[in-house]
């Protein structure tokens, strides 16, 4: 079973320079390859494979010597990643690939020829080892390592290993060991056993401070020293919020996957829901999509069942006991009186409905989830000629 371990690394000044070269070259090849594939298809109807681009990569190295200073396999992996992005796009699993930005998170991968030894990480083209903090044991056969840098300047190494364990068999689906979860905003989740998980709303806690810094940033000259300082402060606050949210989601998903054998959720259309500007901030701060993603892979590793019901099921409007549908229910109504006389708690009733509906559908199964064509060399030369014509410098 494949498993990833993420560790903090501390490169020195010389090592940072080499890592920046890797980030820049990998980003350059990815962006040029994306431009080449797009232009080739739009102009000539030709779809370049990653193997076609790898052949052109050799020409790039002859034309631009700086590409030889970085690990060749890291450049090839960037083409593989682009090819995977295209495949996911045509399958409808993701959006069209976007160009990489040097101000966002940076990363490159070393698929082999790396070594972790005595708190040092050795990668190709780097003679001295990177200092790595192994805060937990690295167990398994090492397959690949991904070096990344956050916008705040922190470096990490994610090591993929094969631990030799088999994926456990799924436990039997029983109502006694199943739980339904209704995700919300004020209360992050209400379970069908009446357990409530409060929403910490980490972004709202720092929102005023972020707004003040962003206002100051808007009055600075772009590219100046003060602009860079404020940008880093804002990035640190966003990183803090992201780390707090991820920690909360990991602990919450870990808790429910340990205590229950079958977990039932509603298939929420989060991308459509955030189009409501009144709820977009709260929904994004909750992290529903990331939470269900964590629950899914932890269920897989622990042999637990993950079930979903359709997003159009009236889980909030239907009384789970008698089946009455209250079509006049408003979002502000947290409790309502059913025709049978029962007082219905909206969130708890919805969690029970999700559990029972998912168990009812469990037997049906659930789906897993000839014009002259442009080249890499031509793309970068065209970009350089455009910059010279405009009088700009990089």
Protein backbone atom coordinates (compact mmCIF):
# COMPACT_ATOMS: atom_id res chain seq x y z
CA UNK A 1 0.00 0.00 0.00
CA UNK A 2 1.38 3.39 -1.00
CA UNK A 3 1.74 5.99 1.74
CA UNK A 4 3.27 9.49 1.81
CA UNK A 5 5.31 11.04 4.63
CA UNK A 6 5.78 14.79 4.70
CA UNK A 7 8.77 16.33 6.49
CA UNK A 8 10.17 19.83 6.94
CA UNK A 9 13.58 20.46 5.34
CA UNK A 10 16.04 23.29 5.98
CA UNK A 11 18.28 24.03 2.98
CA UNK A 12 21.25 26.40 3.29
CA UNK A 13 21.80 29.38 0.96
CA UNK A 14 23.59 27.39 -1.78
CA UNK A 15 20.99 24.64 -1.63
CA UNK A 16 18.15 27.18 -1.86
CA UNK A 17 19.68 28.56 -5.07
CA UNK A 18 19.76 25.09 -6.63
CA UNK A 19 16.21 24.33 -5.47
CA UNK A 20 15.01 27.62 -6.98
CA UNK A 21 16.60 26.60 -10.28
CA UNK A 22 14.66 23.34 -10.15
CA UNK A 23 11.39 25.14 -9.39
CA UNK A 24 11.94 27.63 -12.19
CA UNK A 25 12.98 25.11 -14.85
CA UNK A 26 10.17 22.67 -14.01
CA UNK A 27 7.66 25.54 -14.11
CA UNK A 28 9.09 26.78 -17.42
CA UNK A 29 8.89 23.36 -19.10
CA UNK A 30 5.35 22.80 -17.82
CA UNK A 31 4.09 26.17 -19.06
CA UNK A 32 5.80 25.87 -22.45
CA UNK A 33 4.52 22.33 -22.89
CA UNK A 34 0.99 23.49 -22.06
CA UNK A 35 1.28 26.31 -24.59
CA UNK A 36 2.72 23.96 -27.23
CA UNK A 37 -0.03 21.34 -26.76
CA UNK A 38 -2.76 23.99 -26.89
CA UNK A 39 -1.40 25.68 -30.02
CA UNK A 40 -0.71 22.38 -31.78
CA UNK A 41 -4.27 21.21 -31.27
CA UNK A 42 -5.92 24.54 -32.16
CA UNK A 43 -3.78 25.14 -35.30
CA UNK A 44 -3.21 21.66 -36.65
CA UNK A 45 -5.59 19.40 -34.76
CA UNK A 46 -2.62 17.42 -33.40
CA UNK A 47 -2.46 16.16 -29.85
CA UNK A 48 1.15 15.93 -28.66
CA UNK A 49 1.79 13.09 -26.22
CA UNK A 50 4.28 13.42 -23.40
CA UNK A 51 6.70 11.29 -25.41
CA UNK A 52 6.59 13.77 -28.29
CA UNK A 53 7.35 16.59 -25.87
CA UNK A 54 10.19 14.63 -24.26
CA UNK A 55 11.87 14.42 -27.66
CA UNK A 56 11.54 18.19 -28.02
CA UNK A 57 12.93 18.57 -24.50
CA UNK A 58 16.30 17.34 -25.80
CA UNK A 59 16.32 20.18 -28.32
CA UNK A 60 15.50 22.62 -25.53
CA UNK A 61 18.56 21.51 -23.56
CA UNK A 62 20.82 22.07 -26.56
CA UNK A 63 19.40 25.54 -27.03
CA UNK A 64 19.31 26.55 -23.34
CA UNK A 65 22.24 25.31 -21.29
CA UNK A 66 20.69 26.25 -17.92
CA UNK A 67 18.29 23.30 -18.21
CA UNK A 68 21.26 20.95 -17.76
CA UNK A 69 21.88 22.32 -14.27
CA UNK A 70 18.77 20.59 -12.88
CA UNK A 71 17.70 16.97 -12.60
CA UNK A 72 16.57 15.70 -16.03
CA UNK A 73 13.97 13.34 -14.55
CA UNK A 74 12.29 16.22 -12.72
CA UNK A 75 11.74 17.93 -16.06
CA UNK A 76 10.29 14.76 -17.56
CA UNK A 77 7.94 14.33 -14.59
CA UNK A 78 6.54 17.80 -15.24
CA UNK A 79 5.52 16.62 -18.73
CA UNK A 80 3.98 13.50 -17.18
CA UNK A 81 1.99 15.67 -14.76
CA UNK A 82 0.72 17.81 -17.64
CA UNK A 83 -0.35 14.70 -19.54
CA UNK A 84 -2.20 13.45 -16.44
CA UNK A 85 -3.94 16.82 -16.10
CA UNK A 86 -5.14 16.59 -19.70
CA UNK A 87 -6.49 13.09 -19.16
CA UNK A 88 -8.38 14.14 -16.03
CA UNK A 89 -9.82 17.11 -17.92
CA UNK A 90 -11.14 14.99 -20.79
CA UNK A 91 -12.62 12.53 -18.28
CA UNK A 92 -14.46 15.42 -16.65
CA UNK A 93 -12.63 14.94 -13.34
CA UNK A 94 -10.95 18.39 -13.28
CA UNK A 95 -10.77 21.72 -15.08
CA UNK A 96 -8.43 22.55 -17.97
CA UNK A 97 -4.74 22.73 -16.94
CA UNK A 98 -3.58 26.18 -15.85
CA UNK A 99 -0.21 27.87 -16.19
CA UNK A 100 1.98 27.72 -13.11
CA UNK A 101 2.80 30.95 -11.26
CA UNK A 102 6.10 31.61 -9.48
CA UNK A 103 4.25 33.31 -6.62
CA UNK A 104 2.22 30.22 -5.72
CA UNK A 105 3.37 26.98 -4.17
CA UNK A 106 6.39 25.53 -6.02
CA UNK A 107 7.37 21.87 -6.32
CA UNK A 108 9.35 19.34 -8.30
CA UNK A 109 9.65 15.57 -8.10
CA UNK A 110 12.59 13.17 -8.06
CA UNK A 111 11.28 9.72 -9.06
CA UNK A 112 14.51 7.91 -8.15
CA UNK A 113 18.18 8.27 -7.12
CA UNK A 114 17.41 9.89 -3.78
CA UNK A 115 18.37 8.78 -0.28
CA UNK A 116 17.37 9.56 3.30
CA UNK A 117 20.19 8.88 5.72
CA UNK A 118 21.06 10.25 9.17
CA UNK A 119 18.63 13.21 9.04
CA UNK A 120 19.87 14.12 5.56
CA UNK A 121 18.01 13.98 2.26
CA UNK A 122 20.18 13.46 -0.82
CA UNK A 123 18.70 14.23 -4.25
CA UNK A 124 20.30 14.35 -7.73
CA UNK A 125 22.38 17.45 -8.59
CA UNK A 126 22.76 18.21 -4.88
CA UNK A 127 26.13 17.03 -3.54
CA UNK A 128 25.44 17.97 0.08
CA UNK A 129 22.39 16.54 1.83
CA UNK A 130 19.39 18.62 2.82
CA UNK A 131 18.70 18.79 6.54
CA UNK A 132 15.42 16.97 7.16
CA UNK A 133 13.46 16.68 10.40
CA UNK A 134 12.12 13.13 10.67
CA UNK A 135 9.41 13.76 13.26
CA UNK A 136 8.04 10.25 12.63
CA UNK A 137 9.58 7.01 11.42
CA UNK A 138 9.87 6.51 7.68
CA UNK A 139 8.69 2.93 7.15
CA UNK A 140 8.60 1.22 3.76
CA UNK A 141 10.33 1.05 0.39
CA UNK A 142 10.99 4.59 -0.83
CA UNK A 143 9.55 5.26 -4.30
CA UNK A 144 9.79 9.02 -4.97
CA UNK A 145 10.25 12.37 -3.26
CA UNK A 146 8.57 15.70 -3.96
CA UNK A 147 10.29 18.89 -2.83
CA UNK A 148 7.93 21.82 -2.30
CA UNK A 149 8.11 25.43 -1.18
CA UNK A 150 5.22 27.41 0.28
CA UNK A 151 4.61 31.11 -0.53
CA UNK A 152 5.98 31.91 2.94
CA UNK A 153 9.36 30.37 2.10
CA UNK A 154 9.08 27.05 3.95
CA UNK A 155 10.48 23.90 2.34
CA UNK A 156 9.04 20.41 2.64
CA UNK A 157 9.81 16.93 1.34
CA UNK A 158 6.98 14.46 0.71
CA UNK A 159 8.32 10.91 0.43
CA UNK A 160 6.17 8.22 -1.16
CA UNK A 161 6.79 4.70 0.18
CA UNK A 162 5.41 1.21 -0.32
CA UNK A 163 4.83 -0.17 3.20
CA UNK A 164 4.04 -3.71 1.99
CA UNK A 165 0.61 -3.79 3.63
CA UNK A 166 -2.47 -4.95 1.80
CA UNK A 167 -5.62 -2.85 1.67
CA UNK A 168 -7.96 -4.45 4.25
CA UNK A 169 -11.27 -5.99 3.29
CA UNK A 170 -14.36 -3.87 3.82
CA UNK A 171 -16.30 -4.50 7.00
CA UNK A 172 -19.93 -5.65 6.71
CA UNK A 173 -22.51 -2.88 6.34
CA UNK A 174 -24.79 -2.79 9.39
CA UNK A 175 -27.10 -0.11 10.68
CA UNK A 176 -25.75 -0.54 14.21
CA UNK A 177 -22.22 0.41 13.08
CA UNK A 178 -23.25 3.03 10.52
CA UNK A 179 -23.48 6.78 10.97
CA UNK A 180 -24.88 9.58 8.85
CA UNK A 181 -23.28 13.03 8.80
CA UNK A 182 -24.99 16.29 7.92
CA UNK A 183 -22.40 18.99 7.17
CA UNK A 184 -23.25 22.57 8.04
CA UNK A 185 -21.85 26.03 8.68
CA UNK A 186 -22.62 27.03 12.28
CA UNK A 187 -22.24 23.42 13.38
CA UNK A 188 -19.62 21.74 11.21
CA UNK A 189 -21.23 18.30 11.36
CA UNK A 190 -24.17 16.66 13.11
CA UNK A 191 -24.05 12.86 13.28
CA UNK A 192 -27.01 10.54 13.41
CA UNK A 193 -26.04 9.50 16.96
CA UNK A 194 -26.63 13.16 17.99
CA UNK A 195 -22.91 13.96 18.17
CA UNK A 196 -22.18 17.55 17.17
CA UNK A 197 -18.85 18.86 15.87
CA UNK A 198 -18.60 22.62 16.26
CA UNK A 199 -17.18 24.74 13.43
CA UNK A 200 -14.00 26.63 14.49
CA UNK A 201 -14.23 29.16 11.60
CA UNK A 202 -10.50 29.88 11.56
CA UNK A 203 -10.64 32.27 8.60
CA UNK A 204 -13.20 34.54 10.27
CA UNK A 205 -10.96 34.83 13.34
CA UNK A 206 -8.19 36.44 11.27
CA UNK A 207 -10.31 38.06 8.58
CA UNK A 208 -10.12 41.61 9.96
CA UNK A 209 -6.34 41.45 10.20
CA UNK A 210 -6.08 40.11 6.65
CA UNK A 211 -8.33 42.91 5.35
CA UNK A 212 -6.15 45.57 7.00
CA UNK A 213 -2.97 44.13 5.50
CA UNK A 214 -4.57 43.80 2.07
CA UNK A 215 -5.66 47.44 2.21
CA UNK A 216 -2.10 48.50 3.04
CA UNK A 217 -0.83 46.28 0.24
CA UNK A 218 -3.13 47.99 -2.26
CA UNK A 219 -1.43 51.32 -1.49
CA UNK A 220 2.12 50.02 -2.03
CA UNK A 221 4.05 50.07 -5.25
CA UNK A 222 3.89 46.64 -6.83
CA UNK A 223 7.27 44.91 -6.68
CA UNK A 224 8.68 47.24 -4.00
CA UNK A 225 10.17 46.19 -0.66
CA UNK A 226 7.09 47.10 1.36
CA UNK A 227 4.91 45.29 -1.16
CA UNK A 228 6.95 42.10 -0.74
CA UNK A 229 6.95 42.38 3.06
CA UNK A 230 3.19 42.80 3.27
CA UNK A 231 2.63 40.01 0.73
CA UNK A 232 4.63 37.64 2.92
CA UNK A 233 2.69 38.67 6.04
CA UNK A 234 -0.61 38.01 4.29
CA UNK A 235 0.69 34.67 2.99
CA UNK A 236 1.68 33.68 6.54
CA UNK A 237 -1.81 34.41 7.84
CA UNK A 238 -3.41 32.39 5.05
CA UNK A 239 -0.97 29.56 5.68
CA UNK A 240 -1.82 29.62 9.38
CA UNK A 241 -5.53 29.37 8.57
CA UNK A 242 -4.89 26.52 6.12
CA UNK A 243 -2.80 24.60 8.65
CA UNK A 244 -5.38 25.07 11.42
CA UNK A 245 -8.21 23.95 9.14
CA UNK A 246 -6.26 20.93 7.89
CA UNK A 247 -5.42 19.89 11.46
CA UNK A 248 -9.10 20.17 12.46
CA UNK A 249 -10.29 18.19 9.42
CA UNK A 250 -7.69 15.46 9.98
CA UNK A 251 -8.69 15.04 13.64
CA UNK A 252 -12.40 15.05 12.82
CA UNK A 253 -12.10 12.54 9.96
CA UNK A 254 -9.80 10.36 12.06
CA UNK A 255 -12.31 10.31 14.90
CA UNK A 256 -15.34 9.16 12.90
CA UNK A 257 -13.48 6.64 10.73
CA UNK A 258 -12.15 4.94 13.88
CA UNK A 259 -15.51 4.77 15.67
CA UNK A 260 -17.80 3.65 12.82
CA UNK A 261 -17.67 0.95 10.13
CA UNK A 262 -19.96 2.68 7.61
CA UNK A 263 -19.96 6.42 7.00
CA UNK A 264 -22.75 8.05 5.03
CA UNK A 265 -22.58 11.52 3.48
CA UNK A 266 -24.51 13.68 1.07
CA UNK A 267 -22.88 14.42 -2.29
CA UNK A 268 -22.69 18.21 -1.98
CA UNK A 269 -22.08 20.45 -5.00
CA UNK A 270 -19.64 22.74 -3.18
CA UNK A 271 -18.53 24.55 -6.35
CA UNK A 272 -22.11 25.55 -7.07
CA UNK A 273 -22.87 26.44 -3.45
CA UNK A 274 -20.01 28.94 -3.18
CA UNK A 275 -21.59 30.95 -5.99
CA UNK A 276 -23.95 32.27 -3.33
CA UNK A 277 -21.95 35.29 -2.13
CA UNK A 278 -23.75 35.33 1.21
CA UNK A 279 -22.51 31.84 2.08
CA UNK A 280 -19.32 31.51 0.02
CA UNK A 281 -16.93 32.59 2.80
CA UNK A 282 -18.48 30.32 5.42
CA UNK A 283 -18.60 27.32 3.08
CA UNK A 284 -14.99 27.79 2.00
CA UNK A 285 -13.89 28.22 5.61
CA UNK A 286 -15.63 24.97 6.60
CA UNK A 287 -13.68 22.83 4.09
CA UNK A 288 -16.39 20.26 3.34
CA UNK A 289 -14.69 18.99 0.20
CA UNK A 290 -11.36 18.39 1.92
CA UNK A 291 -13.11 16.73 4.86
CA UNK A 292 -14.91 14.17 2.69
CA UNK A 293 -11.65 13.60 0.80
CA UNK A 294 -9.89 12.76 4.08
CA UNK A 295 -12.75 10.49 5.15
CA UNK A 296 -12.65 8.59 1.85
CA UNK A 297 -8.97 7.67 1.91
CA UNK A 298 -9.01 6.83 5.63
CA UNK A 299 -11.98 4.55 5.06
CA UNK A 300 -10.02 2.82 2.31
CA UNK A 301 -6.96 2.28 4.51
CA UNK A 302 -9.03 1.03 7.47
CA UNK A 303 -11.47 -1.19 5.59
CA UNK A 304 -14.45 1.04 6.33
CA UNK A 305 -17.40 1.73 4.01
CA UNK A 306 -18.02 5.17 2.52
CA UNK A 307 -21.53 5.71 1.13
CA UNK A 308 -23.13 8.74 -0.50
CA UNK A 309 -26.64 9.81 -1.41
CA UNK A 310 -27.59 12.12 -4.25
CA UNK A 311 -27.30 15.88 -3.81
CA UNK A 312 -30.95 16.37 -4.78
CA UNK A 313 -32.37 14.14 -2.05
CA UNK A 314 -34.63 16.22 0.29
CA UNK A 315 -32.66 15.28 3.39
CA UNK A 316 -33.61 18.42 5.36
CA UNK A 317 -37.25 18.57 4.29
CA UNK A 318 -38.17 14.90 4.82
CA UNK A 319 -39.12 13.65 8.29
CA UNK A 320 -37.11 10.46 8.55
CA UNK A 321 -39.67 8.71 10.78
CA UNK A 322 -42.95 9.15 8.87
CA UNK A 323 -41.70 10.33 5.45
CA UNK A 324 -43.59 13.65 5.37
CA UNK A 325 -41.90 16.26 3.12
CA UNK A 326 -42.05 19.87 4.35
CA UNK A 327 -41.66 21.85 1.13
CA UNK A 328 -42.12 25.19 2.93
CA UNK A 329 -39.04 24.70 5.13
CA UNK A 330 -36.71 27.72 5.18
CA UNK A 331 -32.98 27.81 5.85
CA UNK A 332 -33.58 29.74 9.08
CA UNK A 333 -35.90 27.02 10.44
CA UNK A 334 -33.73 24.83 12.65
CA UNK A 335 -36.71 22.93 14.11
CA UNK A 336 -40.17 22.31 12.67
CA UNK A 337 -43.36 20.44 13.56
CA UNK A 338 -44.30 17.48 11.39
CA UNK A 339 -47.85 16.47 10.44
CA UNK A 340 -47.47 13.49 12.75
CA UNK A 341 -46.99 15.93 15.65
CA UNK A 342 -43.29 15.30 16.21
CA UNK A 343 -40.86 18.15 16.77
CA UNK A 344 -38.12 17.65 14.17
CA UNK A 345 -34.56 18.82 14.75
CA UNK A 346 -33.45 19.78 11.25
CA UNK A 347 -29.76 18.75 11.33
CA UNK A 348 -30.20 15.57 13.38
CA UNK A 349 -33.14 14.45 11.22
CA UNK A 350 -31.08 15.13 8.08
CA UNK A 351 -28.19 13.01 9.41
CA UNK A 352 -30.58 10.12 10.09
CA UNK A 353 -32.12 10.47 6.62
CA UNK A 354 -28.67 10.39 4.99
CA UNK A 355 -27.73 7.25 6.93
CA UNK A 356 -30.96 5.35 6.18
CA UNK A 357 -31.06 6.41 2.52
CA UNK A 358 -27.43 5.42 1.97
CA UNK A 359 -28.00 2.04 3.61
CA UNK A 360 -31.07 1.54 1.45
CA UNK A 361 -29.05 2.21 -1.69
CA UNK A 362 -25.95 0.29 -0.58
CA UNK A 363 -26.98 -2.86 -2.43
CA UNK A 364 -26.88 -0.98 -5.74
CA UNK A 365 -23.19 -0.11 -5.40
CA UNK A 366 -21.48 3.21 -5.78
CA UNK A 367 -19.14 4.43 -8.58
CA UNK A 368 -15.56 5.09 -7.59
CA UNK A 369 -14.63 8.24 -8.64
CA UNK A 370 -0.16 19.62 -41.45
CA UNK A 371 0.50 23.21 -40.81
CA UNK A 372 3.76 23.93 -39.06
CA UNK A 373 3.21 22.88 -35.51
CA UNK A 374 4.70 24.81 -32.57
CA UNK A 375 7.55 23.36 -30.54
CA UNK A 376 8.95 23.98 -27.08
CA UNK A 377 11.94 25.84 -28.53
CA UNK A 378 9.73 27.92 -30.78
CA UNK A 379 7.40 28.79 -27.91
CA UNK A 380 10.16 30.13 -25.68
CA UNK A 381 11.83 32.02 -28.56
CA UNK A 382 8.49 33.63 -29.45
CA UNK A 383 8.01 34.64 -25.83
CA UNK A 384 11.50 36.18 -25.67
CA UNK A 385 10.97 38.08 -28.94
CA UNK A 386 7.71 39.46 -27.56
CA UNK A 387 9.42 40.68 -24.40
CA UNK A 388 12.19 42.39 -26.40
CA UNK A 389 9.66 44.06 -28.68
CA UNK A 390 7.81 45.44 -25.67
CA UNK A 391 11.01 46.54 -24.03
CA UNK A 392 10.36 44.44 -20.90
CA UNK A 393 12.91 42.53 -18.87
CA UNK A 394 12.57 39.53 -16.61
